[in-house]
Amino acid sequence: MFNFTVKRIDPQPGTSNQTQQHPRYDLRPRKHRSDIQHISIAGASRDKPPSPTSVLRRFGLTTYSSFELGCGHYSKVYKAYQADREVAVKVVKLDQVGSDFKKRFIPRERECWSKLRHRNICELYQIVACNDFNYLFMVMEFCHNGDLLTYIQANGPLSDNTGRRWMRGLLEAVNYLHKL
């Protein structure tokens, strides 16, 4: 099962939504994202592997362990800065996952992400593998509002109109995924 973050579909009041070319799908061209870029870390010791955040820094992403956004069974997600933008980075420690996960689920997730082009689903920018220490990094769009549960906990219940708009966006994203 994949976790997808659904983005807010309606512009903030008073803002324009002119960058979208189609009311439902983002049809802007994107580069092919399914290839994995492999990196090696010179001078690192296998006896004491570096932390994921220090590996990310060597790759040009600035992050700190306190920027952790969430975690799952096999991965953690960090907020990071890449050049002039905020990104989210999913860090998978490959030596902690089973061989079935490596052979079946990682390629499937990579294939699914490479096909996704919808305005309500986060964009995957790149995948980086650090074979020296068995890390896999998935660099993706950072969604400032976080997930729905955190938003509701912080801001209280949604109004009926907002709930309807957000539910419509969620259902559009799910419908899009089912059509892939």
N, C-alpha and C. Protein backbone atom coordinates (compact mmCIF):
# COMPACT_ATOMS: atom_id res chain seq x y z
N MET A 1 0.85 -1.18 0.00
CA MET A 1 0.00 0.00 0.00
C MET A 1 0.89 1.23 0.00
N PHE A 2 0.55 2.21 -0.79
CA PHE A 2 1.34 3.43 -0.92
C PHE A 2 0.67 4.55 -0.17
N ASN A 3 1.47 5.44 0.37
CA ASN A 3 0.95 6.64 1.01
C ASN A 3 1.15 7.80 0.06
N PHE A 4 0.07 8.46 -0.30
CA PHE A 4 0.12 9.63 -1.15
C PHE A 4 -0.42 10.80 -0.37
N THR A 5 0.25 11.92 -0.43
CA THR A 5 -0.24 13.13 0.20
C THR A 5 -1.07 13.89 -0.81
N VAL A 6 -2.27 14.22 -0.43
CA VAL A 6 -3.15 14.95 -1.32
C VAL A 6 -2.98 16.43 -1.08
N LYS A 7 -2.75 17.19 -2.14
CA LYS A 7 -2.55 18.62 -2.02
C LYS A 7 -3.88 19.35 -2.04
N ARG A 8 -3.88 20.54 -1.50
CA ARG A 8 -5.07 21.40 -1.52
C ARG A 8 -5.41 21.72 -2.96
N ILE A 9 -6.68 21.56 -3.34
CA ILE A 9 -7.05 21.74 -4.74
C ILE A 9 -7.54 23.14 -5.05
N ASP A 10 -8.02 23.86 -4.08
CA ASP A 10 -8.58 25.18 -4.33
C ASP A 10 -7.55 26.23 -3.96
N PRO A 11 -7.44 27.27 -4.77
CA PRO A 11 -6.51 28.34 -4.40
C PRO A 11 -7.03 29.09 -3.18
N GLN A 12 -6.12 29.70 -2.48
CA GLN A 12 -6.51 30.53 -1.35
C GLN A 12 -7.38 31.67 -1.87
N PRO A 13 -8.32 32.17 -1.09
CA PRO A 13 -9.13 33.28 -1.55
C PRO A 13 -8.25 34.44 -2.00
N GLY A 14 -8.58 35.00 -3.16
CA GLY A 14 -7.82 36.14 -3.67
C GLY A 14 -6.60 35.76 -4.49
N THR A 15 -6.34 34.45 -4.67
CA THR A 15 -5.20 34.04 -5.48
C THR A 15 -5.69 33.47 -6.79
N SER A 16 -4.79 33.38 -7.73
CA SER A 16 -5.15 32.90 -9.06
C SER A 16 -4.76 31.44 -9.22
N ASN A 17 -5.49 30.75 -10.05
CA ASN A 17 -5.21 29.35 -10.33
C ASN A 17 -4.86 29.20 -11.81
N GLN A 18 -4.21 30.21 -12.41
CA GLN A 18 -4.00 30.26 -13.84
C GLN A 18 -2.93 29.31 -14.34
N THR A 19 -2.07 28.78 -13.48
CA THR A 19 -1.00 27.92 -13.97
C THR A 19 -1.50 26.56 -14.39
N GLN A 20 -2.70 26.19 -14.01
CA GLN A 20 -3.21 24.89 -14.37
C GLN A 20 -3.81 24.93 -15.77
N GLN A 21 -3.46 23.93 -16.58
CA GLN A 21 -3.92 23.90 -17.95
C GLN A 21 -5.21 23.10 -18.10
N HIS A 22 -5.55 22.30 -17.16
CA HIS A 22 -6.73 21.45 -17.22
C HIS A 22 -7.37 21.46 -15.84
N PRO A 23 -8.69 21.47 -15.74
CA PRO A 23 -9.31 21.59 -14.43
C PRO A 23 -9.06 20.40 -13.50
N ARG A 24 -8.72 19.24 -14.04
CA ARG A 24 -8.54 18.08 -13.17
C ARG A 24 -7.10 17.59 -13.07
N TYR A 25 -6.37 17.61 -14.16
CA TYR A 25 -5.05 17.01 -14.17
C TYR A 25 -4.00 18.04 -14.53
N ASP A 26 -2.86 17.91 -13.91
CA ASP A 26 -1.74 18.78 -14.22
C ASP A 26 -1.03 18.20 -15.43
N LEU A 27 -1.14 18.87 -16.56
CA LEU A 27 -0.60 18.36 -17.80
C LEU A 27 0.74 18.98 -18.16
N ARG A 28 1.33 19.70 -17.22
CA ARG A 28 2.65 20.28 -17.49
C ARG A 28 3.66 19.15 -17.70
N PRO A 29 4.56 19.30 -18.68
CA PRO A 29 5.54 18.24 -18.92
C PRO A 29 6.49 18.12 -17.74
N ARG A 30 6.82 16.91 -17.39
CA ARG A 30 7.79 16.64 -16.33
C ARG A 30 8.82 15.67 -16.87
N LYS A 31 10.01 15.78 -16.34
CA LYS A 31 11.04 14.86 -16.78
C LYS A 31 10.72 13.47 -16.24
N HIS A 32 11.26 12.45 -16.91
CA HIS A 32 11.03 11.07 -16.50
C HIS A 32 11.70 10.85 -15.15
N ARG A 33 10.96 10.31 -14.19
CA ARG A 33 11.46 10.27 -12.82
C ARG A 33 11.70 8.86 -12.30
N SER A 34 11.61 7.84 -13.15
CA SER A 34 11.69 6.49 -12.62
C SER A 34 13.12 5.98 -12.47
N ASP A 35 14.10 6.64 -13.09
CA ASP A 35 15.47 6.19 -12.98
C ASP A 35 16.03 6.54 -11.62
N ILE A 36 16.86 5.64 -11.08
CA ILE A 36 17.49 5.87 -9.79
C ILE A 36 18.89 6.39 -10.02
N GLN A 37 19.22 7.49 -9.37
CA GLN A 37 20.57 8.03 -9.43
C GLN A 37 21.35 7.40 -8.28
N HIS A 38 22.51 6.82 -8.57
CA HIS A 38 23.33 6.17 -7.55
C HIS A 38 24.47 7.10 -7.16
N ILE A 39 24.71 7.22 -5.86
CA ILE A 39 25.82 8.04 -5.39
C ILE A 39 26.70 7.20 -4.48
N SER A 40 27.94 7.61 -4.34
CA SER A 40 28.89 6.96 -3.45
C SER A 40 29.49 8.03 -2.57
N ILE A 41 29.78 7.66 -1.33
CA ILE A 41 30.33 8.62 -0.38
C ILE A 41 31.79 8.27 -0.12
N ALA A 42 32.67 9.09 -0.63
CA ALA A 42 34.10 8.86 -0.46
C ALA A 42 34.52 9.19 0.97
N GLY A 43 35.39 8.37 1.52
CA GLY A 43 35.95 8.64 2.83
C GLY A 43 35.07 8.24 3.99
N ALA A 44 33.93 7.63 3.75
CA ALA A 44 33.04 7.22 4.84
C ALA A 44 33.44 5.83 5.31
N SER A 45 33.31 5.60 6.59
CA SER A 45 33.68 4.32 7.18
C SER A 45 32.47 3.40 7.27
N ARG A 46 32.65 2.14 6.86
CA ARG A 46 31.56 1.18 6.95
C ARG A 46 31.29 0.80 8.41
N ASP A 47 32.32 0.93 9.28
CA ASP A 47 32.14 0.57 10.68
C ASP A 47 31.15 1.48 11.38
N LYS A 48 31.18 2.74 11.02
CA LYS A 48 30.26 3.71 11.62
C LYS A 48 29.57 4.47 10.49
N PRO A 49 28.46 3.92 10.00
CA PRO A 49 27.79 4.59 8.87
C PRO A 49 27.24 5.94 9.28
N PRO A 50 27.22 6.88 8.35
CA PRO A 50 26.70 8.22 8.65
C PRO A 50 25.18 8.18 8.79
N SER A 51 24.65 9.19 9.43
CA SER A 51 23.19 9.30 9.57
C SER A 51 22.60 9.69 8.21
N PRO A 52 21.32 9.39 8.01
CA PRO A 52 20.69 9.79 6.74
C PRO A 52 20.79 11.29 6.49
N THR A 53 20.68 12.09 7.55
CA THR A 53 20.73 13.54 7.34
C THR A 53 22.11 13.99 6.87
N SER A 54 23.19 13.34 7.36
CA SER A 54 24.52 13.72 6.89
C SER A 54 24.75 13.26 5.45
N VAL A 55 24.18 12.13 5.07
CA VAL A 55 24.27 11.68 3.67
C VAL A 55 23.53 12.67 2.78
N LEU A 56 22.36 13.10 3.21
CA LEU A 56 21.58 14.07 2.44
C LEU A 56 22.35 15.38 2.26
N ARG A 57 23.05 15.82 3.31
CA ARG A 57 23.83 17.05 3.21
C ARG A 57 24.93 16.92 2.15
N ARG A 58 25.55 15.76 2.09
CA ARG A 58 26.59 15.55 1.07
C ARG A 58 26.00 15.55 -0.33
N PHE A 59 24.72 15.26 -0.43
CA PHE A 59 24.05 15.23 -1.72
C PHE A 59 23.47 16.60 -2.10
N GLY A 60 23.58 17.57 -1.19
CA GLY A 60 23.09 18.91 -1.50
C GLY A 60 21.73 19.23 -0.91
N LEU A 61 21.26 18.39 -0.01
CA LEU A 61 19.99 18.63 0.67
C LEU A 61 20.28 18.97 2.12
N THR A 62 19.76 20.08 2.59
CA THR A 62 19.98 20.49 3.97
C THR A 62 18.79 20.04 4.80
N THR A 63 19.07 19.24 5.82
CA THR A 63 18.02 18.79 6.73
C THR A 63 18.64 18.45 8.07
N TYR A 64 17.80 18.28 9.06
CA TYR A 64 18.23 17.93 10.40
C TYR A 64 17.27 16.87 10.93
N SER A 65 17.74 16.07 11.87
CA SER A 65 16.87 15.02 12.41
C SER A 65 15.62 15.59 13.06
N SER A 66 15.68 16.84 13.52
CA SER A 66 14.50 17.46 14.13
C SER A 66 13.45 17.82 13.09
N PHE A 67 13.79 17.73 11.80
CA PHE A 67 12.85 18.03 10.72
C PHE A 67 12.05 16.80 10.31
N GLU A 68 12.02 15.77 11.14
CA GLU A 68 11.29 14.55 10.78
C GLU A 68 9.80 14.83 10.70
N LEU A 69 9.20 14.47 9.57
CA LEU A 69 7.77 14.70 9.35
C LEU A 69 6.93 13.48 9.71
N GLY A 70 7.51 12.31 9.60
CA GLY A 70 6.76 11.09 9.90
C GLY A 70 7.63 9.88 9.67
N CYS A 71 7.10 8.72 10.04
CA CYS A 71 7.85 7.49 9.84
C CYS A 71 6.89 6.33 9.63
N GLY A 72 7.41 5.29 9.01
CA GLY A 72 6.66 4.07 8.78
C GLY A 72 7.50 2.89 9.20
N HIS A 73 7.12 1.70 8.75
CA HIS A 73 7.86 0.50 9.14
C HIS A 73 9.29 0.50 8.61
N TYR A 74 9.48 0.96 7.39
CA TYR A 74 10.79 0.87 6.75
C TYR A 74 11.41 2.21 6.41
N SER A 75 10.75 3.30 6.74
CA SER A 75 11.26 4.58 6.27
C SER A 75 10.91 5.72 7.22
N LYS A 76 11.61 6.83 7.02
CA LYS A 76 11.30 8.09 7.69
C LYS A 76 11.22 9.17 6.63
N VAL A 77 10.43 10.20 6.91
CA VAL A 77 10.30 11.31 5.97
C VAL A 77 10.78 12.58 6.67
N TYR A 78 11.67 13.30 6.00
CA TYR A 78 12.24 14.52 6.54
C TYR A 78 11.88 15.71 5.65
N LYS A 79 11.76 16.86 6.27
CA LYS A 79 11.68 18.11 5.52
C LYS A 79 13.12 18.52 5.23
N ALA A 80 13.37 18.95 4.00
CA ALA A 80 14.72 19.33 3.61
C ALA A 80 14.65 20.54 2.68
N TYR A 81 15.81 21.13 2.46
CA TYR A 81 15.93 22.27 1.55
C TYR A 81 16.90 21.88 0.44
N GLN A 82 16.45 22.05 -0.79
CA GLN A 82 17.28 21.75 -1.96
C GLN A 82 17.33 23.01 -2.81
N ALA A 83 18.49 23.61 -2.87
CA ALA A 83 18.67 24.88 -3.59
C ALA A 83 17.68 25.91 -3.05
N ASP A 84 16.69 26.29 -3.82
CA ASP A 84 15.78 27.35 -3.41
C ASP A 84 14.38 26.86 -3.06
N ARG A 85 14.22 25.57 -2.80
CA ARG A 85 12.88 25.06 -2.50
C ARG A 85 12.89 24.08 -1.33
N GLU A 86 11.74 24.00 -0.68
CA GLU A 86 11.54 23.01 0.37
C GLU A 86 11.09 21.71 -0.28
N VAL A 87 11.60 20.60 0.21
CA VAL A 87 11.21 19.29 -0.30
C VAL A 87 10.98 18.35 0.88
N ALA A 88 10.31 17.25 0.60
CA ALA A 88 10.20 16.17 1.57
C ALA A 88 11.06 15.03 1.04
N VAL A 89 11.78 14.36 1.93
CA VAL A 89 12.65 13.27 1.52
C VAL A 89 12.28 12.02 2.31
N LYS A 90 11.85 11.00 1.59
CA LYS A 90 11.57 9.70 2.20
C LYS A 90 12.88 8.93 2.20
N VAL A 91 13.32 8.50 3.38
CA VAL A 91 14.58 7.78 3.53
C VAL A 91 14.26 6.34 3.90
N VAL A 92 14.65 5.41 3.02
CA VAL A 92 14.45 3.99 3.27
C VAL A 92 15.81 3.38 3.57
N LYS A 93 15.95 2.75 4.73
CA LYS A 93 17.19 2.06 5.10
C LYS A 93 17.04 0.62 4.60
N LEU A 94 17.68 0.32 3.48
CA LEU A 94 17.44 -0.94 2.77
C LEU A 94 17.88 -2.18 3.53
N ASP A 95 18.84 -2.05 4.46
CA ASP A 95 19.24 -3.24 5.20
C ASP A 95 18.25 -3.61 6.29
N GLN A 96 17.23 -2.78 6.50
CA GLN A 96 16.19 -3.09 7.49
C GLN A 96 14.93 -3.67 6.85
N VAL A 97 14.91 -3.78 5.53
CA VAL A 97 13.74 -4.31 4.84
C VAL A 97 14.06 -5.70 4.30
N GLY A 98 13.04 -6.49 4.11
CA GLY A 98 13.22 -7.84 3.58
C GLY A 98 13.54 -7.83 2.10
N SER A 99 14.08 -8.94 1.63
CA SER A 99 14.44 -9.03 0.21
C SER A 99 13.21 -8.94 -0.68
N ASP A 100 12.07 -9.45 -0.21
CA ASP A 100 10.83 -9.35 -0.99
C ASP A 100 10.43 -7.89 -1.18
N PHE A 101 10.61 -7.09 -0.13
CA PHE A 101 10.30 -5.65 -0.21
C PHE A 101 11.20 -4.98 -1.24
N LYS A 102 12.50 -5.33 -1.22
CA LYS A 102 13.44 -4.73 -2.16
C LYS A 102 13.13 -5.12 -3.60
N LYS A 103 12.76 -6.38 -3.81
CA LYS A 103 12.56 -6.88 -5.17
C LYS A 103 11.21 -6.51 -5.75
N ARG A 104 10.17 -6.45 -4.91
CA ARG A 104 8.82 -6.23 -5.43
C ARG A 104 8.29 -4.83 -5.19
N PHE A 105 8.39 -4.35 -3.97
CA PHE A 105 7.69 -3.12 -3.61
C PHE A 105 8.43 -1.85 -4.01
N ILE A 106 9.74 -1.83 -3.87
CA ILE A 106 10.48 -0.62 -4.26
C ILE A 106 10.38 -0.37 -5.76
N PRO A 107 10.60 -1.38 -6.62
CA PRO A 107 10.40 -1.12 -8.05
C PRO A 107 8.96 -0.73 -8.39
N ARG A 108 8.00 -1.32 -7.71
CA ARG A 108 6.59 -0.98 -7.99
C ARG A 108 6.28 0.45 -7.56
N GLU A 109 6.79 0.85 -6.41
CA GLU A 109 6.56 2.22 -5.96
C GLU A 109 7.22 3.21 -6.91
N ARG A 110 8.44 2.90 -7.34
CA ARG A 110 9.14 3.76 -8.30
C ARG A 110 8.35 3.86 -9.60
N GLU A 111 7.84 2.74 -10.09
CA GLU A 111 7.06 2.74 -11.33
C GLU A 111 5.78 3.56 -11.18
N CYS A 112 5.08 3.38 -10.07
CA CYS A 112 3.84 4.14 -9.83
C CYS A 112 4.12 5.63 -9.78
N TRP A 113 5.12 6.03 -9.01
CA TRP A 113 5.44 7.46 -8.89
C TRP A 113 5.79 8.07 -10.23
N SER A 114 6.48 7.30 -11.09
CA SER A 114 6.90 7.86 -12.38
C SER A 114 5.72 8.17 -13.29
N LYS A 115 4.58 7.54 -13.06
CA LYS A 115 3.38 7.75 -13.89
C LYS A 115 2.47 8.84 -13.35
N LEU A 116 2.64 9.23 -12.10
CA LEU A 116 1.70 10.15 -11.47
C LEU A 116 1.87 11.58 -11.97
N ARG A 117 0.79 12.13 -12.48
CA ARG A 117 0.77 13.52 -12.92
C ARG A 117 -0.61 14.08 -12.64
N HIS A 118 -0.84 14.39 -11.40
CA HIS A 118 -2.15 14.90 -10.98
C HIS A 118 -1.92 16.04 -10.00
N ARG A 119 -2.71 17.07 -10.12
CA ARG A 119 -2.50 18.26 -9.29
C ARG A 119 -2.77 18.02 -7.81
N ASN A 120 -3.44 16.96 -7.44
CA ASN A 120 -3.75 16.69 -6.04
C ASN A 120 -2.85 15.64 -5.42
N ILE A 121 -1.80 15.23 -6.11
CA ILE A 121 -0.86 14.23 -5.60
C ILE A 121 0.54 14.83 -5.67
N CYS A 122 1.31 14.64 -4.60
CA CYS A 122 2.67 15.18 -4.55
C CYS A 122 3.50 14.69 -5.73
N GLU A 123 4.38 15.56 -6.19
CA GLU A 123 5.27 15.22 -7.29
C GLU A 123 6.56 14.62 -6.75
N LEU A 124 7.02 13.55 -7.37
CA LEU A 124 8.31 12.96 -7.06
C LEU A 124 9.35 13.61 -7.96
N TYR A 125 10.39 14.22 -7.35
CA TYR A 125 11.41 14.90 -8.13
C TYR A 125 12.52 13.95 -8.57
N GLN A 126 13.01 13.13 -7.65
CA GLN A 126 14.10 12.22 -8.00
C GLN A 126 14.24 11.13 -6.95
N ILE A 127 14.91 10.05 -7.35
CA ILE A 127 15.23 8.95 -6.45
C ILE A 127 16.74 8.79 -6.46
N VAL A 128 17.31 8.69 -5.27
CA VAL A 128 18.76 8.57 -5.13
C VAL A 128 19.06 7.37 -4.25
N ALA A 129 19.97 6.51 -4.70
CA ALA A 129 20.39 5.36 -3.91
C ALA A 129 21.84 5.57 -3.48
N CYS A 130 22.09 5.34 -2.21
CA CYS A 130 23.45 5.38 -1.67
C CYS A 130 23.80 3.94 -1.32
N ASN A 131 24.43 3.25 -2.25
CA ASN A 131 24.71 1.83 -2.07
C ASN A 131 25.73 1.56 -0.98
N ASP A 132 26.59 2.55 -0.68
CA ASP A 132 27.60 2.36 0.36
C ASP A 132 26.96 2.00 1.70
N PHE A 133 25.82 2.60 2.00
CA PHE A 133 25.18 2.39 3.30
C PHE A 133 23.73 1.96 3.19
N ASN A 134 23.33 1.47 2.03
CA ASN A 134 21.99 0.93 1.81
C ASN A 134 20.87 1.91 2.10
N TYR A 135 21.03 3.14 1.68
CA TYR A 135 19.97 4.14 1.79
C TYR A 135 19.31 4.33 0.43
N LEU A 136 18.02 4.55 0.43
CA LEU A 136 17.29 4.97 -0.75
C LEU A 136 16.55 6.25 -0.38
N PHE A 137 16.75 7.30 -1.17
CA PHE A 137 16.13 8.60 -0.90
C PHE A 137 15.14 8.93 -2.01
N MET A 138 13.92 9.27 -1.63
CA MET A 138 12.92 9.71 -2.60
C MET A 138 12.62 11.17 -2.30
N VAL A 139 13.09 12.05 -3.18
CA VAL A 139 12.94 13.50 -3.00
C VAL A 139 11.65 13.92 -3.69
N MET A 140 10.73 14.50 -2.91
CA MET A 140 9.42 14.85 -3.46
C MET A 140 8.96 16.21 -3.00
N GLU A 141 7.88 16.64 -3.58
CA GLU A 141 7.28 17.92 -3.25
C GLU A 141 6.89 17.97 -1.77
N PHE A 142 7.15 19.10 -1.14
CA PHE A 142 6.77 19.30 0.26
C PHE A 142 5.41 20.00 0.30
N CYS A 143 4.48 19.43 1.02
CA CYS A 143 3.13 20.01 1.15
C CYS A 143 3.05 20.74 2.49
N HIS A 144 2.94 22.05 2.44
CA HIS A 144 3.02 22.89 3.63
C HIS A 144 1.90 22.63 4.64
N ASN A 145 0.74 22.25 4.19
CA ASN A 145 -0.37 22.04 5.12
C ASN A 145 -0.33 20.69 5.81
N GLY A 146 0.60 19.82 5.45
CA GLY A 146 0.71 18.51 6.09
C GLY A 146 -0.45 17.61 5.70
N ASP A 147 -0.70 16.62 6.54
CA ASP A 147 -1.80 15.71 6.24
C ASP A 147 -3.09 16.21 6.86
N LEU A 148 -4.19 15.61 6.47
CA LEU A 148 -5.51 16.08 6.88
C LEU A 148 -5.71 15.96 8.39
N LEU A 149 -5.28 14.85 8.98
CA LEU A 149 -5.46 14.66 10.42
C LEU A 149 -4.74 15.75 11.21
N THR A 150 -3.49 16.02 10.88
CA THR A 150 -2.73 17.05 11.58
C THR A 150 -3.37 18.42 11.41
N TYR A 151 -3.86 18.69 10.20
CA TYR A 151 -4.51 19.97 9.94
C TYR A 151 -5.76 20.13 10.80
N ILE A 152 -6.58 19.09 10.88
CA ILE A 152 -7.82 19.16 11.67
C ILE A 152 -7.50 19.27 13.16
N GLN A 153 -6.48 18.54 13.62
CA GLN A 153 -6.09 18.64 15.03
C GLN A 153 -5.63 20.04 15.38
N ALA A 154 -4.94 20.70 14.46
CA ALA A 154 -4.42 22.04 14.72
C ALA A 154 -5.48 23.13 14.54
N ASN A 155 -6.40 22.95 13.60
CA ASN A 155 -7.34 24.01 13.23
C ASN A 155 -8.79 23.72 13.56
N GLY A 156 -9.08 22.55 14.07
CA GLY A 156 -10.46 22.20 14.37
C GLY A 156 -11.19 21.67 13.14
N PRO A 157 -12.48 21.39 13.30
CA PRO A 157 -13.24 20.80 12.20
C PRO A 157 -13.32 21.72 10.99
N LEU A 158 -13.45 21.11 9.83
CA LEU A 158 -13.60 21.87 8.59
C LEU A 158 -15.04 22.34 8.44
N SER A 159 -15.23 23.46 7.78
CA SER A 159 -16.59 23.89 7.47
C SER A 159 -17.17 22.93 6.43
N ASP A 160 -18.48 22.93 6.29
CA ASP A 160 -19.11 22.03 5.32
C ASP A 160 -18.60 22.29 3.91
N ASN A 161 -18.52 23.56 3.52
CA ASN A 161 -18.05 23.87 2.16
C ASN A 161 -16.61 23.43 1.94
N THR A 162 -15.74 23.71 2.91
CA THR A 162 -14.34 23.30 2.78
C THR A 162 -14.24 21.78 2.75
N GLY A 163 -14.97 21.10 3.61
CA GLY A 163 -14.97 19.64 3.63
C GLY A 163 -15.40 19.05 2.30
N ARG A 164 -16.43 19.63 1.70
CA ARG A 164 -16.90 19.15 0.40
C ARG A 164 -15.84 19.36 -0.69
N ARG A 165 -15.22 20.54 -0.70
CA ARG A 165 -14.18 20.81 -1.72
C ARG A 165 -13.00 19.87 -1.55
N TRP A 166 -12.56 19.68 -0.30
CA TRP A 166 -11.41 18.81 -0.07
C TRP A 166 -11.75 17.36 -0.38
N MET A 167 -12.95 16.93 -0.04
CA MET A 167 -13.36 15.55 -0.33
C MET A 167 -13.42 15.35 -1.85
N ARG A 168 -13.91 16.35 -2.58
CA ARG A 168 -13.94 16.25 -4.04
C ARG A 168 -12.53 16.08 -4.58
N GLY A 169 -11.59 16.86 -4.07
CA GLY A 169 -10.20 16.73 -4.51
C GLY A 169 -9.62 15.37 -4.19
N LEU A 170 -9.92 14.86 -3.01
CA LEU A 170 -9.45 13.53 -2.61
C LEU A 170 -10.01 12.47 -3.54
N LEU A 171 -11.31 12.55 -3.82
CA LEU A 171 -11.94 11.56 -4.69
C LEU A 171 -11.43 11.66 -6.13
N GLU A 172 -11.14 12.87 -6.60
CA GLU A 172 -10.54 13.02 -7.93
C GLU A 172 -9.18 12.33 -7.98
N ALA A 173 -8.38 12.48 -6.92
CA ALA A 173 -7.06 11.85 -6.88
C ALA A 173 -7.19 10.33 -6.84
N VAL A 174 -8.11 9.81 -6.03
CA VAL A 174 -8.31 8.36 -5.94
C VAL A 174 -8.82 7.82 -7.28
N ASN A 175 -9.76 8.52 -7.90
CA ASN A 175 -10.27 8.11 -9.21
C ASN A 175 -9.15 8.07 -10.24
N TYR A 176 -8.29 9.07 -10.22
CA TYR A 176 -7.13 9.11 -11.12
C TYR A 176 -6.23 7.89 -10.90
N LEU A 177 -5.96 7.56 -9.62
CA LEU A 177 -5.10 6.41 -9.31
C LEU A 177 -5.71 5.11 -9.80
N HIS A 178 -7.01 4.96 -9.68
CA HIS A 178 -7.66 3.73 -10.12
C HIS A 178 -7.64 3.59 -11.64
N LYS A 179 -7.53 4.69 -12.35
CA LYS A 179 -7.50 4.64 -13.81
C LYS A 179 -6.10 4.35 -14.37
N LEU A 180 -5.09 4.39 -13.53
CA LEU A 180 -3.72 4.13 -14.02
C LEU A 180 -3.55 2.69 -14.45
